[in-house]
Amino acid sequence: MHATDDLKIGKLYRLSFPGIAARVIEPPAGVQVGKYPYLVESLILRSRWWVNEQGEPDNIYSPRVILMSKESAQAASVAGAIQA
């Protein structure tokens, strides 16, 4: 698995379904990862699916993971620092 700044194992992300989140989890041992190296799990949807670095699912029936852009992440951290 490639380490990127976009998806991190154990972190929660918003989904394209309103009000639902999912967590990126460690793939099972011995599983070959291809174009979709991240395994995502949602307890509310009771499902798991594979996504790529941009949060796009490997099939059309799974929701997309919404990633925060670097500009909005920096703006959110600045806004948090200003409020503190």
C-alpha atoms as a PDB file:
ATOM      1  CA  MET A   1       0.000   0.000   0.000  1.00  0.00           C
ATOM      2  CA  HIS A   2       1.291   3.441  -0.870  1.00  0.00           C
ATOM      3  CA  ALA A   3       1.376   6.116   1.806  1.00  0.00           C
ATOM      4  CA  THR A   4      -0.350   9.299   0.653  1.00  0.00           C
ATOM      5  CA  ASP A   5      -1.511  12.478   2.316  1.00  0.00           C
ATOM      6  CA  ASP A   6      -5.054  11.825   1.088  1.00  0.00           C
ATOM      7  CA  LEU A   7      -6.225   8.665   2.889  1.00  0.00           C
ATOM      8  CA  LYS A   8      -4.970   7.425   6.252  1.00  0.00           C
ATOM      9  CA  ILE A   9      -5.789   4.099   7.884  1.00  0.00           C
ATOM     10  CA  GLY A  10      -7.982   4.560  10.943  1.00  0.00           C
ATOM     11  CA  LYS A  11      -9.295   7.986   9.969  1.00  0.00           C
ATOM     12  CA  LEU A  12     -12.998   8.762   9.438  1.00  0.00           C
ATOM     13  CA  TYR A  13     -14.160  10.318   6.168  1.00  0.00           C
ATOM     14  CA  ARG A  14     -17.481  11.687   4.934  1.00  0.00           C
ATOM     15  CA  LEU A  15     -19.251   9.767   2.187  1.00  0.00           C
ATOM     16  CA  SER A  16     -21.248  10.968  -0.790  1.00  0.00           C
ATOM     17  CA  PHE A  17     -24.332   9.713   1.097  1.00  0.00           C
ATOM     18  CA  PRO A  18     -25.428  12.631   3.345  1.00  0.00           C
ATOM     19  CA  GLY A  19     -24.731  12.235   7.057  1.00  0.00           C
ATOM     20  CA  ILE A  20     -22.807   8.961   6.787  1.00  0.00           C
ATOM     21  CA  ALA A  21     -19.118   8.394   7.496  1.00  0.00           C
ATOM     22  CA  ALA A  22     -16.728   5.511   6.957  1.00  0.00           C
ATOM     23  CA  ARG A  23     -13.323   4.513   8.262  1.00  0.00           C
ATOM     24  CA  VAL A  24     -10.330   3.376   6.213  1.00  0.00           C
ATOM     25  CA  ILE A  25      -9.212   0.029   7.634  1.00  0.00           C
ATOM     26  CA  GLU A  26      -6.185  -2.209   7.184  1.00  0.00           C
ATOM     27  CA  PRO A  27      -6.732  -4.768   4.399  1.00  0.00           C
ATOM     28  CA  PRO A  28      -6.642  -8.458   5.360  1.00  0.00           C
ATOM     29  CA  ALA A  29      -3.212 -10.104   5.333  1.00  0.00           C
ATOM     30  CA  GLY A  30      -2.219 -11.681   2.045  1.00  0.00           C
ATOM     31  CA  VAL A  31      -4.663  -9.699  -0.103  1.00  0.00           C
ATOM     32  CA  GLN A  32      -3.246  -8.300  -3.355  1.00  0.00           C
ATOM     33  CA  VAL A  33      -4.177  -4.651  -3.778  1.00  0.00           C
ATOM     34  CA  GLY A  34      -4.419  -3.223  -7.256  1.00  0.00           C
ATOM     35  CA  LYS A  35      -5.900   0.029  -8.525  1.00  0.00           C
ATOM     36  CA  TYR A  36      -8.021   0.328  -5.346  1.00  0.00           C
ATOM     37  CA  PRO A  37      -5.584  -0.067  -2.429  1.00  0.00           C
ATOM     38  CA  TYR A  38      -7.746   1.229   0.453  1.00  0.00           C
ATOM     39  CA  LEU A  39     -10.436  -0.786   2.211  1.00  0.00           C
ATOM     40  CA  VAL A  40     -13.281   1.346   3.595  1.00  0.00           C
ATOM     41  CA  GLU A  41     -15.829   0.196   6.193  1.00  0.00           C
ATOM     42  CA  SER A  42     -19.120   1.799   7.206  1.00  0.00           C
ATOM     43  CA  LEU A  43     -20.909   0.434  10.256  1.00  0.00           C
ATOM     44  CA  ILE A  44     -24.122   2.274   9.364  1.00  0.00           C
ATOM     45  CA  LEU A  45     -24.201   0.850   5.826  1.00  0.00           C
ATOM     46  CA  ARG A  46     -22.886  -2.495   7.135  1.00  0.00           C
ATOM     47  CA  SER A  47     -20.508  -2.907   4.249  1.00  0.00           C
ATOM     48  CA  ARG A  48     -16.897  -2.718   3.088  1.00  0.00           C
ATOM     49  CA  TRP A  49     -15.551  -1.659  -0.285  1.00  0.00           C
ATOM     50  CA  TRP A  50     -12.289  -0.722  -1.966  1.00  0.00           C
ATOM     51  CA  VAL A  51     -11.406   2.838  -3.022  1.00  0.00           C
ATOM     52  CA  ASN A  52      -8.464   4.468  -4.814  1.00  0.00           C
ATOM     53  CA  GLU A  53      -6.365   7.455  -3.687  1.00  0.00           C
ATOM     54  CA  GLN A  54      -9.055   9.909  -4.862  1.00  0.00           C
ATOM     55  CA  GLY A  55     -11.809   8.157  -2.869  1.00  0.00           C
ATOM     56  CA  GLU A  56     -13.490   6.630  -5.938  1.00  0.00           C
ATOM     57  CA  PRO A  57     -15.055   3.205  -5.242  1.00  0.00           C
ATOM     58  CA  ASP A  58     -14.298   0.073  -7.238  1.00  0.00           C
ATOM     59  CA  ASN A  59     -17.980  -0.378  -8.174  1.00  0.00           C
ATOM     60  CA  ILE A  60     -20.952   1.848  -8.978  1.00  0.00           C
ATOM     61  CA  TYR A  61     -23.024   0.716  -5.984  1.00  0.00           C
ATOM     62  CA  SER A  62     -20.638   1.980  -3.291  1.00  0.00           C
ATOM     63  CA  PRO A  63     -20.467   5.627  -2.160  1.00  0.00           C
ATOM     64  CA  ARG A  64     -17.520   7.871  -2.885  1.00  0.00           C
ATOM     65  CA  VAL A  65     -15.245   8.969  -0.020  1.00  0.00           C
ATOM     66  CA  ILE A  66     -15.137  12.774   0.202  1.00  0.00           C
ATOM     67  CA  LEU A  67     -11.593  14.025   0.690  1.00  0.00           C
ATOM     68  CA  MET A  68     -10.867  17.486   2.030  1.00  0.00           C
ATOM     69  CA  SER A  69      -8.772  19.502  -0.409  1.00  0.00           C
ATOM     70  CA  LYS A  70      -5.431  20.781   0.839  1.00  0.00           C
ATOM     71  CA  GLU A  71      -6.632  24.404   0.585  1.00  0.00           C
ATOM     72  CA  SER A  72      -9.738  23.784   2.688  1.00  0.00           C
ATOM     73  CA  ALA A  73      -7.726  21.707   5.185  1.00  0.00           C
ATOM     74  CA  GLN A  74      -5.283  24.579   5.616  1.00  0.00           C
ATOM     75  CA  ALA A  75      -8.149  27.072   5.959  1.00  0.00           C
ATOM     76  CA  ALA A  76      -9.791  24.871   8.603  1.00  0.00           C
ATOM     77  CA  SER A  77      -6.560  24.617  10.608  1.00  0.00           C
ATOM     78  CA  VAL A  78      -6.042  28.391  10.410  1.00  0.00           C
ATOM     79  CA  ALA A  79      -9.636  29.013  11.479  1.00  0.00           C
ATOM     80  CA  GLY A  80      -9.173  26.614  14.407  1.00  0.00           C
ATOM     81  CA  ALA A  81      -5.984  28.408  15.439  1.00  0.00           C
ATOM     82  CA  ILE A  82      -7.723  31.800  15.286  1.00  0.00           C
ATOM     83  CA  GLN A  83     -10.609  30.597  17.499  1.00  0.00           C
ATOM     84  CA  ALA A  84      -8.266  29.102  20.082  1.00  0.00           C
END
